[in-house]
Amino acid sequence: RMKIVSELPADRPFRLVRAEPLDDDY
């Protein structure tokens, strides 16, 4: 799982993001 920190500018037909990993929390 990941948390999106920011969306990066993209010149492609898909999105690019900067993300941080999320650990499972039990």
mmCIF file of all heavy atoms, coordinates in Angstrom:
data_MODEL
# 
_entry.id   MODEL 
# 
loop_
_atom_site.group_PDB 
_atom_site.id 
_atom_site.type_symbol 
_atom_site.label_atom_id 
_atom_site.label_alt_id 
_atom_site.label_comp_id 
_atom_site.label_asym_id 
_atom_site.label_entity_id 
_atom_site.label_seq_id 
_atom_site.pdbx_PDB_ins_code 
_atom_site.Cartn_x 
_atom_site.Cartn_y 
_atom_site.Cartn_z 
_atom_site.occupancy 
_atom_site.B_iso_or_equiv 
_atom_site.pdbx_formal_charge 
_atom_site.auth_seq_id 
_atom_site.auth_comp_id 
_atom_site.auth_asym_id 
_atom_site.auth_atom_id 
_atom_site.pdbx_PDB_model_num 
ATOM 1   N N   . ARG A 1 1  ? 0.845  -1.173 0.000   1.00 0.00 ? 1  ARG A N   1 
ATOM 2   C CA  . ARG A 1 1  ? 0.000  0.000  0.000   1.00 0.00 ? 1  ARG A CA  1 
ATOM 3   C C   . ARG A 1 1  ? 0.890  1.236  0.000   1.00 0.00 ? 1  ARG A C   1 
ATOM 4   O O   . ARG A 1 1  ? 2.033  1.197  0.464   1.00 0.00 ? 1  ARG A O   1 
ATOM 5   C CB  . ARG A 1 1  ? -0.902 0.005  1.233   1.00 0.00 ? 1  ARG A CB  1 
ATOM 6   C CG  . ARG A 1 1  ? -2.259 -0.630 0.933   1.00 0.00 ? 1  ARG A CG  1 
ATOM 7   C CD  . ARG A 1 1  ? -3.033 -0.914 2.181   1.00 0.00 ? 1  ARG A CD  1 
ATOM 8   N NE  . ARG A 1 1  ? -2.560 -2.109 2.879   1.00 0.00 ? 1  ARG A NE  1 
ATOM 9   C CZ  . ARG A 1 1  ? -2.612 -3.335 2.394   1.00 0.00 ? 1  ARG A CZ  1 
ATOM 10  N NH1 . ARG A 1 1  ? -3.096 -3.549 1.202   1.00 0.00 ? 1  ARG A NH1 1 
ATOM 11  N NH2 . ARG A 1 1  ? -2.169 -4.366 3.071   1.00 0.00 ? 1  ARG A NH2 1 
ATOM 12  N N   . MET A 1 2  ? 0.358  2.324  -0.538  1.00 0.00 ? 2  MET A N   1 
ATOM 13  C CA  . MET A 1 2  ? 1.135  3.564  -0.613  1.00 0.00 ? 2  MET A CA  1 
ATOM 14  C C   . MET A 1 2  ? 0.222  4.753  -0.404  1.00 0.00 ? 2  MET A C   1 
ATOM 15  O O   . MET A 1 2  ? -0.978 4.679  -0.615  1.00 0.00 ? 2  MET A O   1 
ATOM 16  C CB  . MET A 1 2  ? 1.863  3.659  -1.955  1.00 0.00 ? 2  MET A CB  1 
ATOM 17  C CG  . MET A 1 2  ? 0.976  3.484  -3.167  1.00 0.00 ? 2  MET A CG  1 
ATOM 18  S SD  . MET A 1 2  ? 0.772  5.011  -4.046  1.00 0.00 ? 2  MET A SD  1 
ATOM 19  C CE  . MET A 1 2  ? -0.523 4.596  -5.207  1.00 0.00 ? 2  MET A CE  1 
ATOM 20  N N   . LYS A 1 3  ? 0.848  5.858  0.031   1.00 0.00 ? 3  LYS A N   1 
ATOM 21  C CA  . LYS A 1 3  ? 0.134  7.121  0.191   1.00 0.00 ? 3  LYS A CA  1 
ATOM 22  C C   . LYS A 1 3  ? 0.719  8.091  -0.823  1.00 0.00 ? 3  LYS A C   1 
ATOM 23  O O   . LYS A 1 3  ? 1.932  8.301  -0.870  1.00 0.00 ? 3  LYS A O   1 
ATOM 24  C CB  . LYS A 1 3  ? 0.303  7.670  1.597   1.00 0.00 ? 3  LYS A CB  1 
ATOM 25  C CG  . LYS A 1 3  ? -0.402 9.002  1.797   1.00 0.00 ? 3  LYS A CG  1 
ATOM 26  C CD  . LYS A 1 3  ? -0.296 9.447  3.241   1.00 0.00 ? 3  LYS A CD  1 
ATOM 27  C CE  . LYS A 1 3  ? -0.953 10.775 3.467   1.00 0.00 ? 3  LYS A CE  1 
ATOM 28  N NZ  . LYS A 1 3  ? -2.376 10.788 3.368   1.00 0.00 ? 3  LYS A NZ  1 
ATOM 29  N N   . ILE A 1 4  ? -0.151 8.657  -1.640  1.00 0.00 ? 4  ILE A N   1 
ATOM 30  C CA  . ILE A 1 4  ? 0.297  9.625  -2.637  1.00 0.00 ? 4  ILE A CA  1 
ATOM 31  C C   . ILE A 1 4  ? 0.662  10.919 -1.929  1.00 0.00 ? 4  ILE A C   1 
ATOM 32  O O   . ILE A 1 4  ? -0.152 11.491 -1.204  1.00 0.00 ? 4  ILE A O   1 
ATOM 33  C CB  . ILE A 1 4  ? -0.791 9.876  -3.704  1.00 0.00 ? 4  ILE A CB  1 
ATOM 34  C CG1 . ILE A 1 4  ? -1.082 8.578  -4.475  1.00 0.00 ? 4  ILE A CG1 1 
ATOM 35  C CG2 . ILE A 1 4  ? -0.368 10.996 -4.649  1.00 0.00 ? 4  ILE A CG2 1 
ATOM 36  C CD1 . ILE A 1 4  ? -2.256 8.671  -5.423  1.00 0.00 ? 4  ILE A CD1 1 
ATOM 37  N N   . VAL A 1 5  ? 1.891  11.365 -2.144  1.00 0.00 ? 5  VAL A N   1 
ATOM 38  C CA  . VAL A 1 5  ? 2.377  12.611 -1.556  1.00 0.00 ? 5  VAL A CA  1 
ATOM 39  C C   . VAL A 1 5  ? 2.101  13.762 -2.513  1.00 0.00 ? 5  VAL A C   1 
ATOM 40  O O   . VAL A 1 5  ? 1.660  14.828 -2.113  1.00 0.00 ? 5  VAL A O   1 
ATOM 41  C CB  . VAL A 1 5  ? 3.882  12.503 -1.242  1.00 0.00 ? 5  VAL A CB  1 
ATOM 42  C CG1 . VAL A 1 5  ? 4.432  13.831 -0.751  1.00 0.00 ? 5  VAL A CG1 1 
ATOM 43  C CG2 . VAL A 1 5  ? 4.137  11.389 -0.237  1.00 0.00 ? 5  VAL A CG2 1 
ATOM 44  N N   . SER A 1 6  ? 2.359  13.528 -3.803  1.00 0.00 ? 6  SER A N   1 
ATOM 45  C CA  . SER A 1 6  ? 2.099  14.561 -4.802  1.00 0.00 ? 6  SER A CA  1 
ATOM 46  C C   . SER A 1 6  ? 1.996  13.908 -6.173  1.00 0.00 ? 6  SER A C   1 
ATOM 47  O O   . SER A 1 6  ? 2.506  12.818 -6.397  1.00 0.00 ? 6  SER A O   1 
ATOM 48  C CB  . SER A 1 6  ? 3.203  15.623 -4.808  1.00 0.00 ? 6  SER A CB  1 
ATOM 49  O OG  . SER A 1 6  ? 4.448  15.046 -5.141  1.00 0.00 ? 6  SER A OG  1 
ATOM 50  N N   . GLU A 1 7  ? 1.309  14.603 -7.052  1.00 0.00 ? 7  GLU A N   1 
ATOM 51  C CA  . GLU A 1 7  ? 1.252  14.159 -8.444  1.00 0.00 ? 7  GLU A CA  1 
ATOM 52  C C   . GLU A 1 7  ? 2.293  14.957 -9.216  1.00 0.00 ? 7  GLU A C   1 
ATOM 53  O O   . GLU A 1 7  ? 2.419  16.164 -9.050  1.00 0.00 ? 7  GLU A O   1 
ATOM 54  C CB  . GLU A 1 7  ? -0.145 14.373 -9.032  1.00 0.00 ? 7  GLU A CB  1 
ATOM 55  C CG  . GLU A 1 7  ? -0.263 13.775 -10.411 1.00 0.00 ? 7  GLU A CG  1 
ATOM 56  C CD  . GLU A 1 7  ? -1.697 13.664 -10.904 1.00 0.00 ? 7  GLU A CD  1 
ATOM 57  O OE1 . GLU A 1 7  ? -2.621 13.706 -10.071 1.00 0.00 ? 7  GLU A OE1 1 
ATOM 58  O OE2 . GLU A 1 7  ? -1.873 13.535 -12.125 1.00 0.00 ? 7  GLU A OE2 1 
ATOM 59  N N   . LEU A 1 8  ? 3.046  14.259 -10.044 1.00 0.00 ? 8  LEU A N   1 
ATOM 60  C CA  . LEU A 1 8  ? 4.109  14.885 -10.810 1.00 0.00 ? 8  LEU A CA  1 
ATOM 61  C C   . LEU A 1 8  ? 3.584  15.318 -12.173 1.00 0.00 ? 8  LEU A C   1 
ATOM 62  O O   . LEU A 1 8  ? 2.667  14.685 -12.713 1.00 0.00 ? 8  LEU A O   1 
ATOM 63  C CB  . LEU A 1 8  ? 5.268  13.903 -10.989 1.00 0.00 ? 8  LEU A CB  1 
ATOM 64  C CG  . LEU A 1 8  ? 5.844  13.327 -9.694  1.00 0.00 ? 8  LEU A CG  1 
ATOM 65  C CD1 . LEU A 1 8  ? 6.876  12.256 -10.002 1.00 0.00 ? 8  LEU A CD1 1 
ATOM 66  C CD2 . LEU A 1 8  ? 6.442  14.433 -8.849  1.00 0.00 ? 8  LEU A CD2 1 
ATOM 67  N N   . PRO A 1 9  ? 4.152  16.357 -12.739 1.00 0.00 ? 9  PRO A N   1 
ATOM 68  C CA  . PRO A 1 9  ? 3.763  16.731 -14.101 1.00 0.00 ? 9  PRO A CA  1 
ATOM 69  C C   . PRO A 1 9  ? 4.094  15.555 -15.043 1.00 0.00 ? 9  PRO A C   1 
ATOM 70  O O   . PRO A 1 9  ? 5.129  14.927 -14.892 1.00 0.00 ? 9  PRO A O   1 
ATOM 71  C CB  . PRO A 1 9  ? 4.653  17.936 -14.419 1.00 0.00 ? 9  PRO A CB  1 
ATOM 72  C CG  . PRO A 1 9  ? 5.196  18.396 -13.114 1.00 0.00 ? 9  PRO A CG  1 
ATOM 73  C CD  . PRO A 1 9  ? 5.178  17.233 -12.180 1.00 0.00 ? 9  PRO A CD  1 
ATOM 74  N N   . ALA A 1 10 ? 3.193  15.291 -15.944 1.00 0.00 ? 10 ALA A N   1 
ATOM 75  C CA  . ALA A 1 10 ? 3.408  14.167 -16.854 1.00 0.00 ? 10 ALA A CA  1 
ATOM 76  C C   . ALA A 1 10 ? 3.049  14.558 -18.271 1.00 0.00 ? 10 ALA A C   1 
ATOM 77  O O   . ALA A 1 10 ? 2.030  15.200 -18.499 1.00 0.00 ? 10 ALA A O   1 
ATOM 78  C CB  . ALA A 1 10 ? 2.575  12.961 -16.421 1.00 0.00 ? 10 ALA A CB  1 
ATOM 79  N N   . ASP A 1 11 ? 3.891  14.163 -19.192 1.00 0.00 ? 11 ASP A N   1 
ATOM 80  C CA  . ASP A 1 11 ? 3.601  14.383 -20.606 1.00 0.00 ? 11 ASP A CA  1 
ATOM 81  C C   . ASP A 1 11 ? 3.211  13.060 -21.255 1.00 0.00 ? 11 ASP A C   1 
ATOM 82  O O   . ASP A 1 11 ? 3.389  12.863 -22.440 1.00 0.00 ? 11 ASP A O   1 
ATOM 83  C CB  . ASP A 1 11 ? 4.813  15.001 -21.304 1.00 0.00 ? 11 ASP A CB  1 
ATOM 84  C CG  . ASP A 1 11 ? 6.060  14.133 -21.177 1.00 0.00 ? 11 ASP A CG  1 
ATOM 85  O OD1 . ASP A 1 11 ? 6.026  13.124 -20.434 1.00 0.00 ? 11 ASP A OD1 1 
ATOM 86  O OD2 . ASP A 1 11 ? 7.069  14.463 -21.825 1.00 0.00 ? 11 ASP A OD2 1 
ATOM 87  N N   . ARG A 1 12 ? 2.689  12.157 -20.445 1.00 0.00 ? 12 ARG A N   1 
ATOM 88  C CA  . ARG A 1 12 ? 2.294  10.822 -20.903 1.00 0.00 ? 12 ARG A CA  1 
ATOM 89  C C   . ARG A 1 12 ? 0.801  10.648 -20.677 1.00 0.00 ? 12 ARG A C   1 
ATOM 90  O O   . ARG A 1 12 ? 0.187  11.409 -19.934 1.00 0.00 ? 12 ARG A O   1 
ATOM 91  C CB  . ARG A 1 12 ? 3.074  9.772  -20.124 1.00 0.00 ? 12 ARG A CB  1 
ATOM 92  C CG  . ARG A 1 12 ? 4.570  9.946  -20.319 1.00 0.00 ? 12 ARG A CG  1 
ATOM 93  C CD  . ARG A 1 12 ? 5.330  8.994  -19.471 1.00 0.00 ? 12 ARG A CD  1 
ATOM 94  N NE  . ARG A 1 12 ? 6.749  9.220  -19.700 1.00 0.00 ? 12 ARG A NE  1 
ATOM 95  C CZ  . ARG A 1 12 ? 7.690  8.703  -18.992 1.00 0.00 ? 12 ARG A CZ  1 
ATOM 96  N NH1 . ARG A 1 12 ? 7.398  7.897  -17.998 1.00 0.00 ? 12 ARG A NH1 1 
ATOM 97  N NH2 . ARG A 1 12 ? 8.947  8.955  -19.249 1.00 0.00 ? 12 ARG A NH2 1 
ATOM 98  N N   . PRO A 1 13 ? 0.218  9.623  -21.257 1.00 0.00 ? 13 PRO A N   1 
ATOM 99  C CA  . PRO A 1 13 ? -1.225 9.425  -21.075 1.00 0.00 ? 13 PRO A CA  1 
ATOM 100 C C   . PRO A 1 13 ? -1.589 8.831  -19.713 1.00 0.00 ? 13 PRO A C   1 
ATOM 101 O O   . PRO A 1 13 ? -2.747 8.566  -19.445 1.00 0.00 ? 13 PRO A O   1 
ATOM 102 C CB  . PRO A 1 13 ? -1.596 8.465  -22.211 1.00 0.00 ? 13 PRO A CB  1 
ATOM 103 C CG  . PRO A 1 13 ? -0.327 7.782  -22.570 1.00 0.00 ? 13 PRO A CG  1 
ATOM 104 C CD  . PRO A 1 13 ? 0.782  8.734  -22.271 1.00 0.00 ? 13 PRO A CD  1 
ATOM 105 N N   . PHE A 1 14 ? -0.606 8.621  -18.856 1.00 0.00 ? 14 PHE A N   1 
ATOM 106 C CA  . PHE A 1 14 ? -0.874 8.113  -17.518 1.00 0.00 ? 14 PHE A CA  1 
ATOM 107 C C   . PHE A 1 14 ? -0.278 9.070  -16.490 1.00 0.00 ? 14 PHE A C   1 
ATOM 108 O O   . PHE A 1 14 ? 0.519  9.945  -16.822 1.00 0.00 ? 14 PHE A O   1 
ATOM 109 C CB  . PHE A 1 14 ? -0.305 6.692  -17.333 1.00 0.00 ? 14 PHE A CB  1 
ATOM 110 C CG  . PHE A 1 14 ? 1.158  6.568  -17.674 1.00 0.00 ? 14 PHE A CG  1 
ATOM 111 C CD1 . PHE A 1 14 ? 2.135  6.807  -16.728 1.00 0.00 ? 14 PHE A CD1 1 
ATOM 112 C CD2 . PHE A 1 14 ? 1.557  6.183  -18.953 1.00 0.00 ? 14 PHE A CD2 1 
ATOM 113 C CE1 . PHE A 1 14 ? 3.474  6.687  -17.040 1.00 0.00 ? 14 PHE A CE1 1 
ATOM 114 C CE2 . PHE A 1 14 ? 2.893  6.065  -19.274 1.00 0.00 ? 14 PHE A CE2 1 
ATOM 115 C CZ  . PHE A 1 14 ? 3.861  6.319  -18.313 1.00 0.00 ? 14 PHE A CZ  1 
ATOM 116 N N   . ARG A 1 15 ? -0.708 8.890  -15.262 1.00 0.00 ? 15 ARG A N   1 
ATOM 117 C CA  . ARG A 1 15 ? -0.283 9.787  -14.193 1.00 0.00 ? 15 ARG A CA  1 
ATOM 118 C C   . ARG A 1 15 ? 0.986  9.266  -13.527 1.00 0.00 ? 15 ARG A C   1 
ATOM 119 O O   . ARG A 1 15 ? 1.201  8.068  -13.436 1.00 0.00 ? 15 ARG A O   1 
ATOM 120 C CB  . ARG A 1 15 ? -1.403 9.903  -13.174 1.00 0.00 ? 15 ARG A CB  1 
ATOM 121 C CG  . ARG A 1 15 ? -2.655 10.497 -13.806 1.00 0.00 ? 15 ARG A CG  1 
ATOM 122 C CD  . ARG A 1 15 ? -3.859 10.288 -12.963 1.00 0.00 ? 15 ARG A CD  1 
ATOM 123 N NE  . ARG A 1 15 ? -4.105 11.449 -12.119 1.00 0.00 ? 15 ARG A NE  1 
ATOM 124 C CZ  . ARG A 1 15 ? -5.283 11.734 -11.594 1.00 0.00 ? 15 ARG A CZ  1 
ATOM 125 N NH1 . ARG A 1 15 ? -6.315 10.962 -11.794 1.00 0.00 ? 15 ARG A NH1 1 
ATOM 126 N NH2 . ARG A 1 15 ? -5.429 12.803 -10.861 1.00 0.00 ? 15 ARG A NH2 1 
ATOM 127 N N   . LEU A 1 16 ? 1.783  10.191 -13.033 1.00 0.00 ? 16 LEU A N   1 
ATOM 128 C CA  . LEU A 1 16 ? 2.966  9.863  -12.245 1.00 0.00 ? 16 LEU A CA  1 
ATOM 129 C C   . LEU A 1 16 ? 2.810  10.504 -10.873 1.00 0.00 ? 16 LEU A C   1 
ATOM 130 O O   . LEU A 1 16 ? 2.350  11.643 -10.773 1.00 0.00 ? 16 LEU A O   1 
ATOM 131 C CB  . LEU A 1 16 ? 4.230  10.406 -12.919 1.00 0.00 ? 16 LEU A CB  1 
ATOM 132 C CG  . LEU A 1 16 ? 4.554  9.838  -14.300 1.00 0.00 ? 16 LEU A CG  1 
ATOM 133 C CD1 . LEU A 1 16 ? 5.715  10.606 -14.925 1.00 0.00 ? 16 LEU A CD1 1 
ATOM 134 C CD2 . LEU A 1 16 ? 4.898  8.363  -14.198 1.00 0.00 ? 16 LEU A CD2 1 
ATOM 135 N N   . VAL A 1 17 ? 3.168  9.763  -9.836  1.00 0.00 ? 17 VAL A N   1 
ATOM 136 C CA  . VAL A 1 17 ? 3.041  10.293 -8.482  1.00 0.00 ? 17 VAL A CA  1 
ATOM 137 C C   . VAL A 1 17 ? 4.321  10.052 -7.691  1.00 0.00 ? 17 VAL A C   1 
ATOM 138 O O   . VAL A 1 17 ? 5.105  9.163  -7.997  1.00 0.00 ? 17 VAL A O   1 
ATOM 139 C CB  . VAL A 1 17 ? 1.849  9.654  -7.722  1.00 0.00 ? 17 VAL A CB  1 
ATOM 140 C CG1 . VAL A 1 17 ? 0.536  9.924  -8.414  1.00 0.00 ? 17 VAL A CG1 1 
ATOM 141 C CG2 . VAL A 1 17 ? 2.063  8.172  -7.498  1.00 0.00 ? 17 VAL A CG2 1 
ATOM 142 N N   . ARG A 1 18 ? 4.498  10.873 -6.674  1.00 0.00 ? 18 ARG A N   1 
ATOM 143 C CA  . ARG A 1 18 ? 5.498  10.617 -5.643  1.00 0.00 ? 18 ARG A CA  1 
ATOM 144 C C   . ARG A 1 18 ? 4.699  10.025 -4.494  1.00 0.00 ? 18 ARG A C   1 
ATOM 145 O O   . ARG A 1 18 ? 3.659  10.578 -4.106  1.00 0.00 ? 18 ARG A O   1 
ATOM 146 C CB  . ARG A 1 18 ? 6.190  11.909 -5.228  1.00 0.00 ? 18 ARG A CB  1 
ATOM 147 C CG  . ARG A 1 18 ? 7.227  11.698 -4.118  1.00 0.00 ? 18 ARG A CG  1 
ATOM 148 C CD  . ARG A 1 18 ? 8.081  12.927 -3.871  1.00 0.00 ? 18 ARG A CD  1 
ATOM 149 N NE  . ARG A 1 18 ? 9.059  13.041 -4.955  1.00 0.00 ? 18 ARG A NE  1 
ATOM 150 C CZ  . ARG A 1 18 ? 9.088  14.025 -5.871  1.00 0.00 ? 18 ARG A CZ  1 
ATOM 151 N NH1 . ARG A 1 18 ? 8.187  14.989 -5.828  1.00 0.00 ? 18 ARG A NH1 1 
ATOM 152 N NH2 . ARG A 1 18 ? 10.005 14.063 -6.804  1.00 0.00 ? 18 ARG A NH2 1 
ATOM 153 N N   . ALA A 1 19 ? 5.166  8.896  -3.976  1.00 0.00 ? 19 ALA A N   1 
ATOM 154 C CA  . ALA A 1 19 ? 4.394  8.198  -2.950  1.00 0.00 ? 19 ALA A CA  1 
ATOM 155 C C   . ALA A 1 19 ? 5.313  7.681  -1.850  1.00 0.00 ? 19 ALA A C   1 
ATOM 156 O O   . ALA A 1 19 ? 6.511  7.502  -2.056  1.00 0.00 ? 19 ALA A O   1 
ATOM 157 C CB  . ALA A 1 19 ? 3.621  7.040  -3.577  1.00 0.00 ? 19 ALA A CB  1 
ATOM 158 N N   . GLU A 1 20 ? 4.703  7.443  -0.694  1.00 0.00 ? 20 GLU A N   1 
ATOM 159 C CA  . GLU A 1 20 ? 5.390  6.838  0.443   1.00 0.00 ? 20 GLU A CA  1 
ATOM 160 C C   . GLU A 1 20 ? 4.772  5.475  0.710   1.00 0.00 ? 20 GLU A C   1 
ATOM 161 O O   . GLU A 1 20 ? 3.543  5.329  0.639   1.00 0.00 ? 20 GLU A O   1 
ATOM 162 C CB  . GLU A 1 20 ? 5.211  7.693  1.704   1.00 0.00 ? 20 GLU A CB  1 
ATOM 163 C CG  . GLU A 1 20 ? 5.792  9.073  1.623   1.00 0.00 ? 20 GLU A CG  1 
ATOM 164 C CD  . GLU A 1 20 ? 5.462  9.909  2.859   1.00 0.00 ? 20 GLU A CD  1 
ATOM 165 O OE1 . GLU A 1 20 ? 4.557  9.521  3.636   1.00 0.00 ? 20 GLU A OE1 1 
ATOM 166 O OE2 . GLU A 1 20 ? 6.102  10.952 3.026   1.00 0.00 ? 20 GLU A OE2 1 
ATOM 167 N N   . PRO A 1 21 ? 5.597  4.485  1.042   1.00 0.00 ? 21 PRO A N   1 
ATOM 168 C CA  . PRO A 1 21 ? 5.028  3.170  1.386   1.00 0.00 ? 21 PRO A CA  1 
ATOM 169 C C   . PRO A 1 21 ? 4.272  3.237  2.710   1.00 0.00 ? 21 PRO A C   1 
ATOM 170 O O   . PRO A 1 21 ? 4.618  4.006  3.610   1.00 0.00 ? 21 PRO A O   1 
ATOM 171 C CB  . PRO A 1 21 ? 6.263  2.270  1.513   1.00 0.00 ? 21 PRO A CB  1 
ATOM 172 C CG  . PRO A 1 21 ? 7.407  3.188  1.747   1.00 0.00 ? 21 PRO A CG  1 
ATOM 173 C CD  . PRO A 1 21 ? 7.053  4.507  1.132   1.00 0.00 ? 21 PRO A CD  1 
ATOM 174 N N   . LEU A 1 22 ? 3.217  2.449  2.804   1.00 0.00 ? 22 LEU A N   1 
ATOM 175 C CA  . LEU A 1 22 ? 2.443  2.333  4.044   1.00 0.00 ? 22 LEU A CA  1 
ATOM 176 C C   . LEU A 1 22 ? 2.566  0.907  4.561   1.00 0.00 ? 22 LEU A C   1 
ATOM 177 O O   . LEU A 1 22 ? 2.376  -0.047 3.806   1.00 0.00 ? 22 LEU A O   1 
ATOM 178 C CB  . LEU A 1 22 ? 0.968  2.656  3.805   1.00 0.00 ? 22 LEU A CB  1 
ATOM 179 C CG  . LEU A 1 22 ? 0.620  4.094  3.468   1.00 0.00 ? 22 LEU A CG  1 
ATOM 180 C CD1 . LEU A 1 22 ? -0.872 4.222  3.159   1.00 0.00 ? 22 LEU A CD1 1 
ATOM 181 C CD2 . LEU A 1 22 ? 0.995  5.014  4.609   1.00 0.00 ? 22 LEU A CD2 1 
ATOM 182 N N   . ASP A 1 23 ? 2.876  0.770  5.819   1.00 0.00 ? 23 ASP A N   1 
ATOM 183 C CA  . ASP A 1 23 ? 2.952  -0.553 6.431   1.00 0.00 ? 23 ASP A CA  1 
ATOM 184 C C   . ASP A 1 23 ? 1.564  -0.984 6.871   1.00 0.00 ? 23 ASP A C   1 
ATOM 185 O O   . ASP A 1 23 ? 0.718  -0.157 7.213   1.00 0.00 ? 23 ASP A O   1 
ATOM 186 C CB  . ASP A 1 23 ? 3.886  -0.533 7.643   1.00 0.00 ? 23 ASP A CB  1 
ATOM 187 C CG  . ASP A 1 23 ? 5.335  -0.300 7.243   1.00 0.00 ? 23 ASP A CG  1 
ATOM 188 O OD1 . ASP A 1 23 ? 5.747  -0.782 6.175   1.00 0.00 ? 23 ASP A OD1 1 
ATOM 189 O OD2 . ASP A 1 23 ? 6.052  0.364  8.011   1.00 0.00 ? 23 ASP A OD2 1 
ATOM 190 N N   . ASP A 1 24 ? 1.338  -2.302 6.855   1.00 0.00 ? 24 ASP A N   1 
ATOM 191 C CA  . ASP A 1 24 ? 0.092  -2.825 7.397   1.00 0.00 ? 24 ASP A CA  1 
ATOM 192 C C   . ASP A 1 24 ? 0.082  -2.554 8.895   1.00 0.00 ? 24 ASP A C   1 
ATOM 193 O O   . ASP A 1 24 ? 1.096  -2.676 9.577   1.00 0.00 ? 24 ASP A O   1 
ATOM 194 C CB  . ASP A 1 24 ? -0.017 -4.328 7.151   1.00 0.00 ? 24 ASP A CB  1 
ATOM 195 C CG  . ASP A 1 24 ? -0.269 -4.662 5.699   1.00 0.00 ? 24 ASP A CG  1 
ATOM 196 O OD1 . ASP A 1 24 ? -0.701 -3.767 4.953   1.00 0.00 ? 24 ASP A OD1 1 
ATOM 197 O OD2 . ASP A 1 24 ? -0.038 -5.817 5.304   1.00 0.00 ? 24 ASP A OD2 1 
ATOM 198 N N   . ASP A 1 25 ? -1.070 -2.159 9.391   1.00 0.00 ? 25 ASP A N   1 
ATOM 199 C CA  . ASP A 1 25 ? -1.216 -1.853 10.807  1.00 0.00 ? 25 ASP A CA  1 
ATOM 200 C C   . ASP A 1 25 ? -2.269 -2.796 11.377  1.00 0.00 ? 25 ASP A C   1 
ATOM 201 O O   . ASP A 1 25 ? -3.437 -2.742 10.970  1.00 0.00 ? 25 ASP A O   1 
ATOM 202 C CB  . ASP A 1 25 ? -1.649 -0.391 10.973  1.00 0.00 ? 25 ASP A CB  1 
ATOM 203 C CG  . ASP A 1 25 ? -1.788 0.012  12.432  1.00 0.00 ? 25 ASP A CG  1 
ATOM 204 O OD1 . ASP A 1 25 ? -1.213 -0.654 13.301  1.00 0.00 ? 25 ASP A OD1 1 
ATOM 205 O OD2 . ASP A 1 25 ? -2.484 1.011  12.694  1.00 0.00 ? 25 ASP A OD2 1 
ATOM 206 N N   . TYR A 1 26 ? -1.850 -3.663 12.262  1.00 0.00 ? 26 TYR A N   1 
ATOM 207 C CA  . TYR A 1 26 ? -2.760 -4.617 12.877  1.00 0.00 ? 26 TYR A CA  1 
ATOM 208 C C   . TYR A 1 26 ? -2.884 -4.284 14.370  1.00 0.00 ? 26 TYR A C   1 
ATOM 209 O O   . TYR A 1 26 ? -2.057 -4.713 15.179  1.00 0.00 ? 26 TYR A O   1 
ATOM 210 C CB  . TYR A 1 26 ? -2.260 -6.048 12.709  1.00 0.00 ? 26 TYR A CB  1 
ATOM 211 C CG  . TYR A 1 26 ? -2.117 -6.462 11.264  1.00 0.00 ? 26 TYR A CG  1 
ATOM 212 C CD1 . TYR A 1 26 ? -0.870 -6.690 10.699  1.00 0.00 ? 26 TYR A CD1 1 
ATOM 213 C CD2 . TYR A 1 26 ? -3.240 -6.605 10.465  1.00 0.00 ? 26 TYR A CD2 1 
ATOM 214 C CE1 . TYR A 1 26 ? -0.753 -7.062 9.380   1.00 0.00 ? 26 TYR A CE1 1 
ATOM 215 C CE2 . TYR A 1 26 ? -3.127 -6.978 9.141   1.00 0.00 ? 26 TYR A CE2 1 
ATOM 216 C CZ  . TYR A 1 26 ? -1.881 -7.211 8.608   1.00 0.00 ? 26 TYR A CZ  1 
ATOM 217 O OH  . TYR A 1 26 ? -1.760 -7.586 7.300   1.00 0.00 ? 26 TYR A OH  1 
# 
